């Protein structure tokens, strides 16, 4: 079973407690935990694609880290982001690849 998510409460719990609870308990506690329906690796791939598509790069870095932890290899992430570049735009791909490079080279914050 996956580690319990507490980022919502850790970062927003005092400011937006209900949002933090939805993040930790519903999104990560109920949706992400449905591993029989989709593996964590596949969920990470889908989430990374959605975040890149929307230009949500602040969240993307964290999901790249999670994707790596969930077994997405460097070769796979490069292929995924390169493939997406033709559908979501070159600048988004450039930004996503720069973040992926940081994650896979161990230079992320």
PDB file of N, CA and C in Angstrom:
ATOM      1  N   UNK A   1       0.845  -1.194   0.000  1.00  0.00           N
ATOM      2  CA  UNK A   1       0.000   0.000   0.000  1.00  0.00           C
ATOM      3  C   UNK A   1       0.879   1.242   0.000  1.00  0.00           C
ATOM      4  N   UNK A   2       0.432   2.272  -0.661  1.00  0.00           N
ATOM      5  CA  UNK A   2       1.170   3.519  -0.792  1.00  0.00           C
ATOM      6  C   UNK A   2       1.241   4.254   0.541  1.00  0.00           C
ATOM      7  N   UNK A   3       2.261   5.080   0.665  1.00  0.00           N
ATOM      8  CA  UNK A   3       2.441   5.902   1.858  1.00  0.00           C
ATOM      9  C   UNK A   3       1.318   6.930   1.938  1.00  0.00           C
ATOM     10  N   UNK A   4       0.807   7.188   3.150  1.00  0.00           N
ATOM     11  CA  UNK A   4      -0.279   8.163   3.329  1.00  0.00           C
ATOM     12  C   UNK A   4       0.211   9.558   2.958  1.00  0.00           C
ATOM     13  N   UNK A   5      -0.569  10.231   2.154  1.00  0.00           N
ATOM     14  CA  UNK A   5      -0.257  11.584   1.692  1.00  0.00           C
ATOM     15  C   UNK A   5      -0.639  12.591   2.769  1.00  0.00           C
ATOM     16  N   UNK A   6       0.273  13.489   3.083  1.00  0.00           N
ATOM     17  CA  UNK A   6      -0.003  14.545   4.064  1.00  0.00           C
ATOM     18  C   UNK A   6       0.370  15.928   3.541  1.00  0.00           C
ATOM     19  N   UNK A   7       0.736  16.024   2.270  1.00  0.00           N
ATOM     20  CA  UNK A   7       1.189  17.312   1.722  1.00  0.00           C
ATOM     21  C   UNK A   7       0.125  18.396   1.851  1.00  0.00           C
ATOM     22  N   UNK A   8      -1.126  18.060   1.649  1.00  0.00           N
ATOM     23  CA  UNK A   8      -2.194  19.044   1.778  1.00  0.00           C
ATOM     24  C   UNK A   8      -2.240  19.636   3.171  1.00  0.00           C
ATOM     25  N   UNK A   9      -2.261  18.767   4.161  1.00  0.00           N
ATOM     26  CA  UNK A   9      -2.309  19.246   5.548  1.00  0.00           C
ATOM     27  C   UNK A   9      -1.005  19.941   5.936  1.00  0.00           C
ATOM     28  N   UNK A  10       0.122  19.400   5.462  1.00  0.00           N
ATOM     29  CA  UNK A  10       1.415  19.997   5.797  1.00  0.00           C
ATOM     30  C   UNK A  10       1.543  21.407   5.233  1.00  0.00           C
ATOM     31  N   UNK A  11       1.055  21.624   4.016  1.00  0.00           N
ATOM     32  CA  UNK A  11       1.284  22.904   3.347  1.00  0.00           C
ATOM     33  C   UNK A  11       0.100  23.858   3.421  1.00  0.00           C
ATOM     34  N   UNK A  12      -1.122  23.323   3.482  1.00  0.00           N
ATOM     35  CA  UNK A  12      -2.304  24.188   3.455  1.00  0.00           C
ATOM     36  C   UNK A  12      -3.282  23.955   4.596  1.00  0.00           C
ATOM     37  N   UNK A  13      -2.958  23.022   5.482  1.00  0.00           N
ATOM     38  CA  UNK A  13      -3.902  22.629   6.530  1.00  0.00           C
ATOM     39  C   UNK A  13      -4.423  23.763   7.383  1.00  0.00           C
ATOM     40  N   UNK A  14      -3.561  24.676   7.781  1.00  0.00           N
ATOM     41  CA  UNK A  14      -3.999  25.800   8.615  1.00  0.00           C
ATOM     42  C   UNK A  14      -4.779  26.831   7.805  1.00  0.00           C
ATOM     43  N   UNK A  15      -4.432  27.003   6.559  1.00  0.00           N
ATOM     44  CA  UNK A  15      -5.037  28.033   5.712  1.00  0.00           C
ATOM     45  C   UNK A  15      -6.335  27.554   5.060  1.00  0.00           C
ATOM     46  N   UNK A  16      -6.319  26.334   4.523  1.00  0.00           N
ATOM     47  CA  UNK A  16      -7.482  25.788   3.810  1.00  0.00           C
ATOM     48  C   UNK A  16      -7.681  24.329   4.211  1.00  0.00           C
ATOM     49  N   UNK A  17      -8.161  24.101   5.432  1.00  0.00           N
ATOM     50  CA  UNK A  17      -8.219  22.736   5.951  1.00  0.00           C
ATOM     51  C   UNK A  17      -9.097  21.777   5.139  1.00  0.00           C
ATOM     52  N   UNK A  18     -10.219  22.241   4.620  1.00  0.00           N
ATOM     53  CA  UNK A  18     -11.085  21.341   3.859  1.00  0.00           C
ATOM     54  C   UNK A  18     -10.427  20.951   2.528  1.00  0.00           C
ATOM     55  N   UNK A  19      -9.805  21.917   1.856  1.00  0.00           N
ATOM     56  CA  UNK A  19      -9.081  21.628   0.620  1.00  0.00           C
ATOM     57  C   UNK A  19      -7.959  20.633   0.899  1.00  0.00           C
ATOM     58  N   UNK A  20      -7.235  20.851   1.993  1.00  0.00           N
ATOM     59  CA  UNK A  20      -6.142  19.952   2.375  1.00  0.00           C
ATOM     60  C   UNK A  20      -6.664  18.536   2.611  1.00  0.00           C
ATOM     61  N   UNK A  21      -7.808  18.434   3.252  1.00  0.00           N
ATOM     62  CA  UNK A  21      -8.414  17.113   3.496  1.00  0.00           C
ATOM     63  C   UNK A  21      -8.820  16.452   2.191  1.00  0.00           C
ATOM     64  N   UNK A  22      -9.410  17.204   1.266  1.00  0.00           N
ATOM     65  CA  UNK A  22      -9.755  16.638  -0.044  1.00  0.00           C
ATOM     66  C   UNK A  22      -8.502  16.126  -0.752  1.00  0.00           C
ATOM     67  N   UNK A  23      -7.432  16.920  -0.712  1.00  0.00           N
ATOM     68  CA  UNK A  23      -6.178  16.532  -1.358  1.00  0.00           C
ATOM     69  C   UNK A  23      -5.649  15.218  -0.774  1.00  0.00           C
ATOM     70  N   UNK A  24      -5.525  15.179   0.542  1.00  0.00           N
ATOM     71  CA  UNK A  24      -4.889  14.036   1.192  1.00  0.00           C
ATOM     72  C   UNK A  24      -5.797  12.814   1.272  1.00  0.00           C
ATOM     73  N   UNK A  25      -7.072  13.030   1.620  1.00  0.00           N
ATOM     74  CA  UNK A  25      -7.967  11.907   1.891  1.00  0.00           C
ATOM     75  C   UNK A  25      -8.714  11.403   0.664  1.00  0.00           C
ATOM     76  N   UNK A  26      -9.131  12.322  -0.203  1.00  0.00           N
ATOM     77  CA  UNK A  26      -9.910  11.910  -1.368  1.00  0.00           C
ATOM     78  C   UNK A  26      -8.998  11.660  -2.567  1.00  0.00           C
ATOM     79  N   UNK A  27      -8.303  12.709  -3.028  1.00  0.00           N
ATOM     80  CA  UNK A  27      -7.476  12.549  -4.226  1.00  0.00           C
ATOM     81  C   UNK A  27      -6.424  11.469  -4.036  1.00  0.00           C
ATOM     82  N   UNK A  28      -5.589  11.612  -3.001  1.00  0.00           N
ATOM     83  CA  UNK A  28      -4.523  10.636  -2.806  1.00  0.00           C
ATOM     84  C   UNK A  28      -4.981   9.435  -1.987  1.00  0.00           C
ATOM     85  N   UNK A  29      -5.884   9.624  -1.047  1.00  0.00           N
ATOM     86  CA  UNK A  29      -6.331   8.523  -0.203  1.00  0.00           C
ATOM     87  C   UNK A  29      -7.285   7.569  -0.879  1.00  0.00           C
ATOM     88  N   UNK A  30      -8.204   8.083  -1.705  1.00  0.00           N
ATOM     89  CA  UNK A  30      -9.207   7.233  -2.338  1.00  0.00           C
ATOM     90  C   UNK A  30      -8.947   6.997  -3.825  1.00  0.00           C
ATOM     91  N   UNK A  31      -8.606   8.038  -4.562  1.00  0.00           N
ATOM     92  CA  UNK A  31      -8.423   7.884  -6.011  1.00  0.00           C
ATOM     93  C   UNK A  31      -7.094   7.205  -6.321  1.00  0.00           C
ATOM     94  N   UNK A  32      -5.999   7.756  -5.829  1.00  0.00           N
ATOM     95  CA  UNK A  32      -4.680   7.188  -6.122  1.00  0.00           C
ATOM     96  C   UNK A  32      -4.505   5.791  -5.548  1.00  0.00           C
ATOM     97  N   UNK A  33      -5.258   5.439  -4.527  1.00  0.00           N
ATOM     98  CA  UNK A  33      -5.098   4.131  -3.892  1.00  0.00           C
ATOM     99  C   UNK A  33      -5.792   2.999  -4.656  1.00  0.00           C
ATOM    100  N   UNK A  34      -6.498   3.302  -5.713  1.00  0.00           N
ATOM    101  CA  UNK A  34      -7.223   2.282  -6.480  1.00  0.00           C
ATOM    102  C   UNK A  34      -6.253   1.551  -7.423  1.00  0.00           C
ATOM    103  N   UNK A  35      -5.302   0.854  -6.839  1.00  0.00           N
ATOM    104  CA  UNK A  35      -4.216   0.233  -7.585  1.00  0.00           C
ATOM    105  C   UNK A  35      -4.650  -0.981  -8.389  1.00  0.00           C
ATOM    106  N   UNK A  36      -5.780  -1.597  -8.051  1.00  0.00           N
ATOM    107  CA  UNK A  36      -6.270  -2.721  -8.855  1.00  0.00           C
ATOM    108  C   UNK A  36      -6.818  -2.231 -10.192  1.00  0.00           C
ATOM    109  N   UNK A  37      -7.326  -1.005 -10.217  1.00  0.00           N
ATOM    110  CA  UNK A  37      -7.895  -0.449 -11.452  1.00  0.00           C
ATOM    111  C   UNK A  37      -6.806   0.124 -12.351  1.00  0.00           C
ATOM    112  N   UNK A  38      -5.865   0.873 -11.793  1.00  0.00           N
ATOM    113  CA  UNK A  38      -4.719   1.424 -12.527  1.00  0.00           C
ATOM    114  C   UNK A  38      -3.511   1.381 -11.607  1.00  0.00           C
ATOM    115  N   UNK A  39      -2.394   0.967 -12.132  1.00  0.00           N
ATOM    116  CA  UNK A  39      -1.180   0.926 -11.324  1.00  0.00           C
ATOM    117  C   UNK A  39      -0.707   2.345 -10.990  1.00  0.00           C
ATOM    118  N   UNK A  40       0.042   2.496  -9.906  1.00  0.00           N
ATOM    119  CA  UNK A  40       0.602   3.819  -9.593  1.00  0.00           C
ATOM    120  C   UNK A  40       1.449   4.377 -10.741  1.00  0.00           C
ATOM    121  N   UNK A  41       2.197   3.525 -11.424  1.00  0.00           N
ATOM    122  CA  UNK A  41       3.021   3.975 -12.548  1.00  0.00           C
ATOM    123  C   UNK A  41       2.140   4.556 -13.648  1.00  0.00           C
ATOM    124  N   UNK A  42       1.065   3.864 -13.994  1.00  0.00           N
ATOM    125  CA  UNK A  42       0.171   4.359 -15.044  1.00  0.00           C
ATOM    126  C   UNK A  42      -0.542   5.631 -14.597  1.00  0.00           C
ATOM    127  N   UNK A  43      -0.965   5.685 -13.340  1.00  0.00           N
ATOM    128  CA  UNK A  43      -1.591   6.919 -12.822  1.00  0.00           C
ATOM    129  C   UNK A  43      -0.609   8.086 -12.918  1.00  0.00           C
ATOM    130  N   UNK A  44       0.658   7.829 -12.601  1.00  0.00           N
ATOM    131  CA  UNK A  44       1.665   8.886 -12.715  1.00  0.00           C
ATOM    132  C   UNK A  44       1.817   9.350 -14.155  1.00  0.00           C
ATOM    133  N   UNK A  45       1.860   8.416 -15.091  1.00  0.00           N
ATOM    134  CA  UNK A  45       1.977   8.781 -16.515  1.00  0.00           C
ATOM    135  C   UNK A  45       0.808   9.659 -16.949  1.00  0.00           C
ATOM    136  N   UNK A  46      -0.386   9.274 -16.565  1.00  0.00           N
ATOM    137  CA  UNK A  46      -1.585  10.038 -16.934  1.00  0.00           C
ATOM    138  C   UNK A  46      -1.559  11.421 -16.297  1.00  0.00           C
ATOM    139  N   UNK A  47      -1.197  11.488 -15.039  1.00  0.00           N
ATOM    140  CA  UNK A  47      -1.165  12.756 -14.316  1.00  0.00           C
ATOM    141  C   UNK A  47      -0.114  13.693 -14.895  1.00  0.00           C
ATOM    142  N   UNK A  48       1.057  13.156 -15.196  1.00  0.00           N
ATOM    143  CA  UNK A  48       2.113  13.960 -15.805  1.00  0.00           C
ATOM    144  C   UNK A  48       1.649  14.525 -17.143  1.00  0.00           C
ATOM    145  N   UNK A  49       0.995  13.701 -17.942  1.00  0.00           N
ATOM    146  CA  UNK A  49       0.490  14.171 -19.236  1.00  0.00           C
ATOM    147  C   UNK A  49      -0.545  15.282 -19.048  1.00  0.00           C
ATOM    148  N   UNK A  50      -1.436  15.113 -18.092  1.00  0.00           N
ATOM    149  CA  UNK A  50      -2.466  16.123 -17.855  1.00  0.00           C
ATOM    150  C   UNK A  50      -1.858  17.428 -17.354  1.00  0.00           C
ATOM    151  N   UNK A  51      -0.913  17.331 -16.422  1.00  0.00           N
ATOM    152  CA  UNK A  51      -0.284  18.544 -15.889  1.00  0.00           C
ATOM    153  C   UNK A  51       0.520  19.273 -16.950  1.00  0.00           C
ATOM    154  N   UNK A  52       1.253  18.520 -17.768  1.00  0.00           N
ATOM    155  CA  UNK A  52       2.023  19.146 -18.849  1.00  0.00           C
ATOM    156  C   UNK A  52       1.079  19.824 -19.837  1.00  0.00           C
ATOM    157  N   UNK A  53       0.021  19.140 -20.188  1.00  0.00           N
ATOM    158  CA  UNK A  53      -0.952  19.682 -21.142  1.00  0.00           C
ATOM    159  C   UNK A  53      -1.528  21.008 -20.665  1.00  0.00           C
ATOM    160  N   UNK A  54      -1.812  21.086 -19.372  1.00  0.00           N
ATOM    161  CA  UNK A  54      -2.394  22.300 -18.814  1.00  0.00           C
ATOM    162  C   UNK A  54      -1.375  23.361 -18.434  1.00  0.00           C
ATOM    163  N   UNK A  55      -0.093  23.044 -18.578  1.00  0.00           N
ATOM    164  CA  UNK A  55       0.937  24.001 -18.205  1.00  0.00           C
ATOM    165  C   UNK A  55       1.076  24.189 -16.704  1.00  0.00           C
ATOM    166  N   UNK A  56       0.716  23.163 -15.942  1.00  0.00           N
ATOM    167  CA  UNK A  56       0.756  23.230 -14.476  1.00  0.00           C
ATOM    168  C   UNK A  56       2.109  22.743 -13.962  1.00  0.00           C
ATOM    169  N   UNK A  57       3.125  23.551 -14.191  1.00  0.00           N
ATOM    170  CA  UNK A  57       4.497  23.119 -13.928  1.00  0.00           C
ATOM    171  C   UNK A  57       4.869  23.114 -12.446  1.00  0.00           C
ATOM    172  N   UNK A  58       4.187  23.918 -11.627  1.00  0.00           N
ATOM    173  CA  UNK A  58       4.472  23.875 -10.194  1.00  0.00           C
ATOM    174  C   UNK A  58       4.130  22.503  -9.622  1.00  0.00           C
ATOM    175  N   UNK A  59       3.018  21.936 -10.051  1.00  0.00           N
ATOM    176  CA  UNK A  59       2.624  20.599  -9.604  1.00  0.00           C
ATOM    177  C   UNK A  59       3.374  19.513 -10.363  1.00  0.00           C
ATOM    178  N   UNK A  60       3.776  19.805 -11.591  1.00  0.00           N
ATOM    179  CA  UNK A  60       4.428  18.790 -12.429  1.00  0.00           C
ATOM    180  C   UNK A  60       5.701  18.257 -11.788  1.00  0.00           C
ATOM    181  N   UNK A  61       6.517  19.123 -11.213  1.00  0.00           N
ATOM    182  CA  UNK A  61       7.784  18.675 -10.634  1.00  0.00           C
ATOM    183  C   UNK A  61       7.549  17.608  -9.572  1.00  0.00           C
ATOM    184  N   UNK A  62       6.537  17.786  -8.750  1.00  0.00           N
ATOM    185  CA  UNK A  62       6.240  16.818  -7.697  1.00  0.00           C
ATOM    186  C   UNK A  62       5.750  15.496  -8.291  1.00  0.00           C
ATOM    187  N   UNK A  63       4.983  15.584  -9.364  1.00  0.00           N
ATOM    188  CA  UNK A  63       4.483  14.359  -9.995  1.00  0.00           C
ATOM    189  C   UNK A  63       5.559  13.666 -10.819  1.00  0.00           C
ATOM    190  N   UNK A  64       6.527  14.401 -11.308  1.00  0.00           N
ATOM    191  CA  UNK A  64       7.684  13.752 -11.929  1.00  0.00           C
ATOM    192  C   UNK A  64       8.466  12.961 -10.887  1.00  0.00           C
ATOM    193  N   UNK A  65       8.625  13.533  -9.698  1.00  0.00           N
ATOM    194  CA  UNK A  65       9.300  12.825  -8.607  1.00  0.00           C
ATOM    195  C   UNK A  65       8.511  11.579  -8.212  1.00  0.00           C
ATOM    196  N   UNK A  66       7.202  11.716  -8.094  1.00  0.00           N
ATOM    197  CA  UNK A  66       6.348  10.581  -7.756  1.00  0.00           C
ATOM    198  C   UNK A  66       6.386   9.530  -8.863  1.00  0.00           C
ATOM    199  N   UNK A  67       6.359   9.988 -10.114  1.00  0.00           N
ATOM    200  CA  UNK A  67       6.428   9.059 -11.238  1.00  0.00           C
ATOM    201  C   UNK A  67       7.715   8.260 -11.234  1.00  0.00           C
ATOM    202  N   UNK A  68       8.810   8.923 -10.946  1.00  0.00           N
ATOM    203  CA  UNK A  68      10.099   8.216 -10.847  1.00  0.00           C
ATOM    204  C   UNK A  68      10.025   7.176  -9.737  1.00  0.00           C
ATOM    205  N   UNK A  69       9.484   7.565  -8.589  1.00  0.00           N
ATOM    206  CA  UNK A  69       9.326   6.627  -7.474  1.00  0.00           C
ATOM    207  C   UNK A  69       8.386   5.483  -7.822  1.00  0.00           C
ATOM    208  N   UNK A  70       7.419   5.748  -8.700  1.00  0.00           N
ATOM    209  CA  UNK A  70       6.463   4.728  -9.124  1.00  0.00           C
ATOM    210  C   UNK A  70       6.982   3.880 -10.281  1.00  0.00           C
ATOM    211  N   UNK A  71       8.236   4.086 -10.680  1.00  0.00           N
ATOM    212  CA  UNK A  71       8.854   3.197 -11.651  1.00  0.00           C
ATOM    213  C   UNK A  71       8.973   3.705 -13.072  1.00  0.00           C
ATOM    214  N   UNK A  72       8.624   4.968 -13.334  1.00  0.00           N
ATOM    215  CA  UNK A  72       8.811   5.503 -14.679  1.00  0.00           C
ATOM    216  C   UNK A  72      10.305   5.719 -14.875  1.00  0.00           C
ATOM    217  N   UNK A  73      10.853   5.085 -15.893  1.00  0.00           N
ATOM    218  CA  UNK A  73      12.282   5.220 -16.155  1.00  0.00           C
ATOM    219  C   UNK A  73      12.573   6.533 -16.873  1.00  0.00           C
ATOM    220  N   UNK A  74      13.841   6.906 -16.888  1.00  0.00           N
ATOM    221  CA  UNK A  74      14.250   8.113 -17.611  1.00  0.00           C
ATOM    222  C   UNK A  74      13.892   7.983 -19.089  1.00  0.00           C
ATOM    223  N   UNK A  75      14.126   6.826 -19.659  1.00  0.00           N
ATOM    224  CA  UNK A  75      13.824   6.621 -21.079  1.00  0.00           C
ATOM    225  C   UNK A  75      12.329   6.765 -21.342  1.00  0.00           C
ATOM    226  N   UNK A  76      11.513   6.243 -20.436  1.00  0.00           N
ATOM    227  CA  UNK A  76      10.060   6.352 -20.601  1.00  0.00           C
ATOM    228  C   UNK A  76       9.586   7.790 -20.476  1.00  0.00           C
ATOM    229  N   UNK A  77      10.093   8.534 -19.480  1.00  0.00           N
ATOM    230  CA  UNK A  77       9.618   9.912 -19.304  1.00  0.00           C
ATOM    231  C   UNK A  77      10.030  10.781 -20.478  1.00  0.00           C
ATOM    232  N   UNK A  78      11.236  10.559 -21.005  1.00  0.00           N
ATOM    233  CA  UNK A  78      11.670  11.323 -22.179  1.00  0.00           C
ATOM    234  C   UNK A  78      10.759  11.008 -23.360  1.00  0.00           C
ATOM    235  N   UNK A  79      10.434   9.755 -23.555  1.00  0.00           N
ATOM    236  CA  UNK A  79       9.557   9.368 -24.669  1.00  0.00           C
ATOM    237  C   UNK A  79       8.156   9.937 -24.500  1.00  0.00           C
ATOM    238  N   UNK A  80       7.625   9.873 -23.281  1.00  0.00           N
ATOM    239  CA  UNK A  80       6.285  10.410 -22.998  1.00  0.00           C
ATOM    240  C   UNK A  80       6.238  11.908 -23.296  1.00  0.00           C
ATOM    241  N   UNK A  81       7.202  12.641 -22.774  1.00  0.00           N
ATOM    242  CA  UNK A  81       7.195  14.098 -22.941  1.00  0.00           C
ATOM    243  C   UNK A  81       7.474  14.505 -24.388  1.00  0.00           C
ATOM    244  N   UNK A  82       8.335  13.762 -25.066  1.00  0.00           N
ATOM    245  CA  UNK A  82       8.593  14.041 -26.484  1.00  0.00           C
ATOM    246  C   UNK A  82       7.337  13.786 -27.306  1.00  0.00           C
ATOM    247  N   UNK A  83       6.663  12.688 -27.051  1.00  0.00           N
ATOM    248  CA  UNK A  83       5.419  12.374 -27.761  1.00  0.00           C
ATOM    249  C   UNK A  83       4.382  13.481 -27.534  1.00  0.00           C
ATOM    250  N   UNK A  84       4.246  13.902 -26.276  1.00  0.00           N
ATOM    251  CA  UNK A  84       3.263  14.932 -25.956  1.00  0.00           C
ATOM    252  C   UNK A  84       3.584  16.279 -26.587  1.00  0.00           C
ATOM    253  N   UNK A  85       4.855  16.533 -26.868  1.00  0.00           N
ATOM    254  CA  UNK A  85       5.243  17.842 -27.409  1.00  0.00           C
ATOM    255  C   UNK A  85       4.476  18.188 -28.676  1.00  0.00           C
ATOM    256  N   UNK A  86       4.148  17.197 -29.475  1.00  0.00           N
ATOM    257  CA  UNK A  86       3.443  17.435 -30.729  1.00  0.00           C
ATOM    258  C   UNK A  86       1.949  17.646 -30.536  1.00  0.00           C
ATOM    259  N   UNK A  87       1.446  17.335 -29.347  1.00  0.00           N
ATOM    260  CA  UNK A  87       0.028  17.502 -29.059  1.00  0.00           C
ATOM    261  C   UNK A  87      -0.257  18.695 -28.159  1.00  0.00           C
ATOM    262  N   UNK A  88       0.672  19.041 -27.258  1.00  0.00           N
ATOM    263  CA  UNK A  88       0.400  20.108 -26.292  1.00  0.00           C
ATOM    264  C   UNK A  88       1.280  21.325 -26.475  1.00  0.00           C
ATOM    265  N   UNK A  89       2.320  21.220 -27.302  1.00  0.00           N
ATOM    266  CA  UNK A  89       3.141  22.381 -27.599  1.00  0.00           C
ATOM    267  C   UNK A  89       4.590  22.218 -27.199  1.00  0.00           C
ATOM    268  N   UNK A  90       5.441  22.758 -28.040  1.00  0.00           N
ATOM    269  CA  UNK A  90       6.877  22.667 -27.841  1.00  0.00           C
ATOM    270  C   UNK A  90       7.353  23.365 -26.566  1.00  0.00           C
ATOM    271  N   UNK A  91       6.877  24.595 -26.262  1.00  0.00           N
ATOM    272  CA  UNK A  91       7.328  25.254 -25.031  1.00  0.00           C
ATOM    273  C   UNK A  91       6.974  24.458 -23.770  1.00  0.00           C
ATOM    274  N   UNK A  92       5.796  23.850 -23.733  1.00  0.00           N
ATOM    275  CA  UNK A  92       5.424  23.036 -22.582  1.00  0.00           C
ATOM    276  C   UNK A  92       6.337  21.816 -22.478  1.00  0.00           C
ATOM    277  N   UNK A  93       6.653  21.222 -23.616  1.00  0.00           N
ATOM    278  CA  UNK A  93       7.547  20.063 -23.610  1.00  0.00           C
ATOM    279  C   UNK A  93       8.930  20.465 -23.127  1.00  0.00           C
ATOM    280  N   UNK A  94       9.404  21.595 -23.582  1.00  0.00           N
ATOM    281  CA  UNK A  94      10.729  22.074 -23.162  1.00  0.00           C
ATOM    282  C   UNK A  94      10.757  22.229 -21.641  1.00  0.00           C
ATOM    283  N   UNK A  95       9.750  22.900 -21.096  1.00  0.00           N
ATOM    284  CA  UNK A  95       9.683  23.113 -19.651  1.00  0.00           C
ATOM    285  C   UNK A  95       9.593  21.795 -18.894  1.00  0.00           C
ATOM    286  N   UNK A  96       8.755  20.897 -19.377  1.00  0.00           N
ATOM    287  CA  UNK A  96       8.592  19.600 -18.719  1.00  0.00           C
ATOM    288  C   UNK A  96       9.873  18.779 -18.789  1.00  0.00           C
ATOM    289  N   UNK A  97      10.536  18.799 -19.935  1.00  0.00           N
ATOM    290  CA  UNK A  97      11.793  18.052 -20.068  1.00  0.00           C
ATOM    291  C   UNK A  97      12.884  18.630 -19.171  1.00  0.00           C
ATOM    292  N   UNK A  98      12.921  19.933 -19.000  1.00  0.00           N
ATOM    293  CA  UNK A  98      13.909  20.533 -18.103  1.00  0.00           C
ATOM    294  C   UNK A  98      13.648  20.083 -16.659  1.00  0.00           C
ATOM    295  N   UNK A  99      12.372  20.028 -16.268  1.00  0.00           N
ATOM    296  CA  UNK A  99      12.049  19.555 -14.924  1.00  0.00           C
ATOM    297  C   UNK A  99      12.380  18.072 -14.785  1.00  0.00           C
ATOM    298  N   UNK A 100      12.060  17.292 -15.794  1.00  0.00           N
ATOM    299  CA  UNK A 100      12.357  15.854 -15.750  1.00  0.00           C
ATOM    300  C   UNK A 100      13.856  15.624 -15.654  1.00  0.00           C
ATOM    301  N   UNK A 101      14.617  16.416 -16.372  1.00  0.00           N
ATOM    302  CA  UNK A 101      16.080  16.300 -16.315  1.00  0.00           C
ATOM    303  C   UNK A 101      16.570  16.524 -14.886  1.00  0.00           C
ATOM    304  N   UNK A 102      16.032  17.550 -14.220  1.00  0.00           N
ATOM    305  CA  UNK A 102      16.403  17.817 -12.828  1.00  0.00           C
ATOM    306  C   UNK A 102      16.066  16.627 -11.933  1.00  0.00           C
ATOM    307  N   UNK A 103      14.870  16.082 -12.104  1.00  0.00           N
ATOM    308  CA  UNK A 103      14.428  14.966 -11.270  1.00  0.00           C
ATOM    309  C   UNK A 103      15.297  13.730 -11.503  1.00  0.00           C
ATOM    310  N   UNK A 104      15.505  13.385 -12.753  1.00  0.00           N
ATOM    311  CA  UNK A 104      16.228  12.148 -13.072  1.00  0.00           C
ATOM    312  C   UNK A 104      17.731  12.275 -12.875  1.00  0.00           C
ATOM    313  N   UNK A 105      18.240  13.497 -12.827  1.00  0.00           N
ATOM    314  CA  UNK A 105      19.648  13.695 -12.508  1.00  0.00           C
ATOM    315  C   UNK A 105      19.839  14.010 -11.030  1.00  0.00           C
ATOM    316  N   UNK A 106      18.730  14.002 -10.268  1.00  0.00           N
ATOM    317  CA  UNK A 106      18.812  14.212  -8.821  1.00  0.00           C
ATOM    318  C   UNK A 106      19.118  15.628  -8.402  1.00  0.00           C
ATOM    319  N   UNK A 107      18.735  16.617  -9.214  1.00  0.00           N
ATOM    320  CA  UNK A 107      19.048  18.007  -8.908  1.00  0.00           C
ATOM    321  C   UNK A 107      17.843  18.827  -8.461  1.00  0.00           C
ATOM    322  N   UNK A 108      16.672  18.164  -8.308  1.00  0.00           N
ATOM    323  CA  UNK A 108      15.480  18.913  -7.916  1.00  0.00           C
ATOM    324  C   UNK A 108      15.579  19.324  -6.469  1.00  0.00           C
ATOM    325  N   UNK A 109      14.812  20.334  -6.126  1.00  0.00           N
ATOM    326  CA  UNK A 109      14.836  20.859  -4.747  1.00  0.00           C
ATOM    327  C   UNK A 109      14.155  19.900  -3.803  1.00  0.00           C
TER     328      UNK A 109
END
